[in-house]
Amino acid sequence: METIYKDQYNHDGEFINLEYSKQDLEELICNYNVHFDKCKKYYIYCHGGLKSYALCSILKKYNYCVVQVINRY
């Protein structure tokens, strides 16, 4: 799985901040085929990195184009 720092995001795909998402993580994981399009690239972010890792892992398994975005500490 590809991982980048938040300041490296270059706006070439949809940025999803799980901290402010209207859907909770469980909803996104259980209904990934409703919320995501295989023709798009997604950058998934959360503050701690655990939720974004979980969602990216699931989406990557089903051949979605995802990048985990993490904070630079």
N, C-alpha and C. Protein backbone atom coordinates (compact mmCIF):
# COMPACT_ATOMS: atom_id res chain seq x y z
N MET A 1 0.85 -1.18 0.00
CA MET A 1 0.00 0.00 0.00
C MET A 1 0.90 1.24 0.00
N GLU A 2 0.56 2.17 -0.84
CA GLU A 2 1.31 3.42 -0.91
C GLU A 2 0.92 4.32 0.27
N THR A 3 1.92 4.97 0.84
CA THR A 3 1.71 5.89 1.95
C THR A 3 2.48 7.18 1.68
N ILE A 4 1.82 8.31 1.94
CA ILE A 4 2.48 9.61 1.80
C ILE A 4 2.19 10.44 3.04
N TYR A 5 2.99 11.51 3.20
CA TYR A 5 2.71 12.47 4.26
C TYR A 5 1.67 13.47 3.77
N LYS A 6 0.93 14.02 4.71
CA LYS A 6 -0.16 14.94 4.39
C LYS A 6 0.31 16.12 3.54
N ASP A 7 1.51 16.63 3.81
CA ASP A 7 2.01 17.77 3.04
C ASP A 7 2.47 17.40 1.63
N GLN A 8 2.46 16.10 1.30
CA GLN A 8 2.82 15.65 -0.04
C GLN A 8 1.61 15.46 -0.95
N TYR A 9 0.42 15.58 -0.40
CA TYR A 9 -0.79 15.43 -1.20
C TYR A 9 -0.83 16.52 -2.27
N ASN A 10 -0.98 16.11 -3.53
CA ASN A 10 -0.91 17.07 -4.64
C ASN A 10 -2.22 17.25 -5.40
N HIS A 11 -3.33 16.90 -4.80
CA HIS A 11 -4.67 17.14 -5.34
C HIS A 11 -4.94 16.39 -6.65
N ASP A 12 -4.33 15.23 -6.84
CA ASP A 12 -4.61 14.47 -8.06
C ASP A 12 -5.61 13.34 -7.83
N GLY A 13 -6.34 13.41 -6.74
CA GLY A 13 -7.38 12.44 -6.43
C GLY A 13 -8.23 13.00 -5.31
N GLU A 14 -9.20 12.22 -4.90
CA GLU A 14 -10.13 12.68 -3.86
C GLU A 14 -9.54 12.44 -2.47
N PHE A 15 -9.48 13.48 -1.66
CA PHE A 15 -8.95 13.42 -0.31
C PHE A 15 -10.10 13.15 0.64
N ILE A 16 -10.01 12.08 1.42
CA ILE A 16 -11.05 11.74 2.38
C ILE A 16 -10.45 11.80 3.78
N ASN A 17 -10.94 12.73 4.57
CA ASN A 17 -10.51 12.88 5.94
C ASN A 17 -11.51 12.13 6.82
N LEU A 18 -11.10 11.01 7.36
CA LEU A 18 -12.00 10.18 8.15
C LEU A 18 -12.41 10.85 9.45
N GLU A 19 -11.66 11.85 9.89
CA GLU A 19 -12.02 12.57 11.11
C GLU A 19 -13.29 13.40 10.90
N TYR A 20 -13.55 13.82 9.66
CA TYR A 20 -14.69 14.69 9.37
C TYR A 20 -15.65 14.07 8.36
N SER A 21 -15.52 12.78 8.11
CA SER A 21 -16.39 12.11 7.15
C SER A 21 -17.82 12.02 7.67
N LYS A 22 -18.78 12.15 6.78
CA LYS A 22 -20.19 12.03 7.16
C LYS A 22 -20.55 10.59 7.51
N GLN A 23 -19.83 9.63 6.92
CA GLN A 23 -20.05 8.22 7.21
C GLN A 23 -18.98 7.75 8.19
N ASP A 24 -19.36 6.83 9.08
CA ASP A 24 -18.35 6.29 9.98
C ASP A 24 -17.55 5.20 9.27
N LEU A 25 -16.47 4.80 9.87
CA LEU A 25 -15.55 3.84 9.26
C LEU A 25 -16.24 2.53 8.93
N GLU A 26 -17.06 2.03 9.83
CA GLU A 26 -17.76 0.76 9.61
C GLU A 26 -18.66 0.84 8.38
N GLU A 27 -19.36 1.94 8.23
CA GLU A 27 -20.23 2.14 7.06
C GLU A 27 -19.41 2.13 5.78
N LEU A 28 -18.28 2.82 5.78
CA LEU A 28 -17.43 2.88 4.59
C LEU A 28 -16.87 1.51 4.23
N ILE A 29 -16.47 0.75 5.25
CA ILE A 29 -15.91 -0.59 5.00
C ILE A 29 -16.98 -1.54 4.52
N CYS A 30 -18.13 -1.57 5.18
CA CYS A 30 -19.19 -2.51 4.82
C CYS A 30 -19.83 -2.21 3.47
N ASN A 31 -19.85 -0.96 3.08
CA ASN A 31 -20.50 -0.56 1.83
C ASN A 31 -19.51 0.16 0.91
N TYR A 32 -18.29 -0.36 0.85
CA TYR A 32 -17.24 0.27 0.04
C TYR A 32 -17.65 0.42 -1.42
N ASN A 33 -18.39 -0.55 -1.95
CA ASN A 33 -18.78 -0.50 -3.37
C ASN A 33 -19.81 0.60 -3.66
N VAL A 34 -20.46 1.12 -2.64
CA VAL A 34 -21.40 2.22 -2.79
C VAL A 34 -20.68 3.56 -2.70
N HIS A 35 -19.68 3.64 -1.83
CA HIS A 35 -19.01 4.91 -1.54
C HIS A 35 -17.80 5.20 -2.42
N PHE A 36 -17.25 4.19 -3.07
CA PHE A 36 -16.02 4.37 -3.83
C PHE A 36 -16.17 3.88 -5.26
N ASP A 37 -15.40 4.49 -6.15
CA ASP A 37 -15.43 4.20 -7.59
C ASP A 37 -14.03 3.73 -8.00
N LYS A 38 -13.95 2.59 -8.67
CA LYS A 38 -12.66 2.04 -9.07
C LYS A 38 -11.95 2.91 -10.12
N CYS A 39 -12.66 3.83 -10.72
CA CYS A 39 -12.05 4.72 -11.72
C CYS A 39 -11.39 5.95 -11.09
N LYS A 40 -11.50 6.11 -9.78
CA LYS A 40 -10.95 7.28 -9.10
C LYS A 40 -9.80 6.87 -8.18
N LYS A 41 -8.97 7.84 -7.86
CA LYS A 41 -7.89 7.65 -6.90
C LYS A 41 -8.28 8.34 -5.60
N TYR A 42 -8.08 7.65 -4.48
CA TYR A 42 -8.46 8.17 -3.18
C TYR A 42 -7.26 8.29 -2.26
N TYR A 43 -7.23 9.39 -1.55
CA TYR A 43 -6.23 9.63 -0.51
C TYR A 43 -6.98 9.60 0.81
N ILE A 44 -6.67 8.62 1.65
CA ILE A 44 -7.42 8.40 2.88
C ILE A 44 -6.58 8.85 4.07
N TYR A 45 -7.15 9.74 4.89
CA TYR A 45 -6.44 10.33 6.02
C TYR A 45 -7.24 10.22 7.30
N CYS A 46 -6.53 9.97 8.39
CA CYS A 46 -7.07 10.16 9.74
C CYS A 46 -5.91 10.59 10.62
N HIS A 47 -6.20 11.19 11.71
CA HIS A 47 -5.16 11.78 12.55
C HIS A 47 -4.12 10.76 13.03
N GLY A 48 -4.57 9.64 13.54
CA GLY A 48 -3.65 8.65 14.10
C GLY A 48 -3.12 7.63 13.10
N GLY A 49 -3.81 7.48 11.98
CA GLY A 49 -3.37 6.55 10.95
C GLY A 49 -3.99 5.17 11.01
N LEU A 50 -4.65 4.82 12.10
CA LEU A 50 -5.22 3.47 12.22
C LEU A 50 -6.46 3.27 11.35
N LYS A 51 -7.37 4.23 11.39
CA LYS A 51 -8.59 4.10 10.58
C LYS A 51 -8.27 4.16 9.10
N SER A 52 -7.36 5.05 8.72
CA SER A 52 -7.00 5.15 7.30
C SER A 52 -6.30 3.88 6.83
N TYR A 53 -5.48 3.28 7.67
CA TYR A 53 -4.82 2.03 7.32
C TYR A 53 -5.84 0.91 7.10
N ALA A 54 -6.81 0.82 8.01
CA ALA A 54 -7.84 -0.21 7.90
C ALA A 54 -8.64 -0.06 6.61
N LEU A 55 -9.09 1.15 6.32
CA LEU A 55 -9.89 1.37 5.12
C LEU A 55 -9.06 1.16 3.85
N CYS A 56 -7.84 1.66 3.83
CA CYS A 56 -6.97 1.47 2.67
C CYS A 56 -6.70 -0.01 2.41
N SER A 57 -6.50 -0.77 3.47
CA SER A 57 -6.23 -2.21 3.33
C SER A 57 -7.40 -2.93 2.67
N ILE A 58 -8.60 -2.60 3.09
CA ILE A 58 -9.80 -3.23 2.51
C ILE A 58 -9.95 -2.82 1.05
N LEU A 59 -9.85 -1.52 0.78
CA LEU A 59 -10.03 -1.04 -0.59
C LEU A 59 -8.95 -1.58 -1.52
N LYS A 60 -7.73 -1.65 -1.05
CA LYS A 60 -6.63 -2.18 -1.87
C LYS A 60 -6.89 -3.65 -2.21
N LYS A 61 -7.42 -4.39 -1.26
CA LYS A 61 -7.74 -5.81 -1.47
C LYS A 61 -8.72 -5.99 -2.63
N TYR A 62 -9.62 -5.01 -2.81
CA TYR A 62 -10.61 -5.08 -3.88
C TYR A 62 -10.21 -4.23 -5.08
N ASN A 63 -8.93 -3.95 -5.20
CA ASN A 63 -8.34 -3.28 -6.38
C ASN A 63 -8.78 -1.84 -6.60
N TYR A 64 -9.03 -1.11 -5.51
CA TYR A 64 -9.27 0.32 -5.61
C TYR A 64 -7.92 1.03 -5.54
N CYS A 65 -7.84 2.18 -6.16
CA CYS A 65 -6.61 2.96 -6.15
C CYS A 65 -6.63 3.88 -4.93
N VAL A 66 -5.88 3.50 -3.90
CA VAL A 66 -5.89 4.23 -2.64
C VAL A 66 -4.47 4.51 -2.17
N VAL A 67 -4.35 5.63 -1.46
CA VAL A 67 -3.09 6.02 -0.85
C VAL A 67 -3.40 6.41 0.59
N GLN A 68 -2.66 5.85 1.53
CA GLN A 68 -2.84 6.26 2.92
C GLN A 68 -2.05 7.54 3.15
N VAL A 69 -2.69 8.50 3.78
CA VAL A 69 -2.06 9.78 4.09
C VAL A 69 -1.85 9.84 5.60
N ILE A 70 -0.60 10.14 5.99
CA ILE A 70 -0.28 10.19 7.42
C ILE A 70 0.35 11.54 7.77
N ASN A 71 0.35 11.83 9.06
CA ASN A 71 1.00 13.05 9.55
C ASN A 71 2.51 12.85 9.61
N ARG A 72 3.21 13.93 9.42
CA ARG A 72 4.66 13.90 9.57
C ARG A 72 4.98 14.33 11.02
N TYR A 73 5.56 13.42 11.78
CA TYR A 73 5.86 13.73 13.19
C TYR A 73 7.32 14.01 13.35
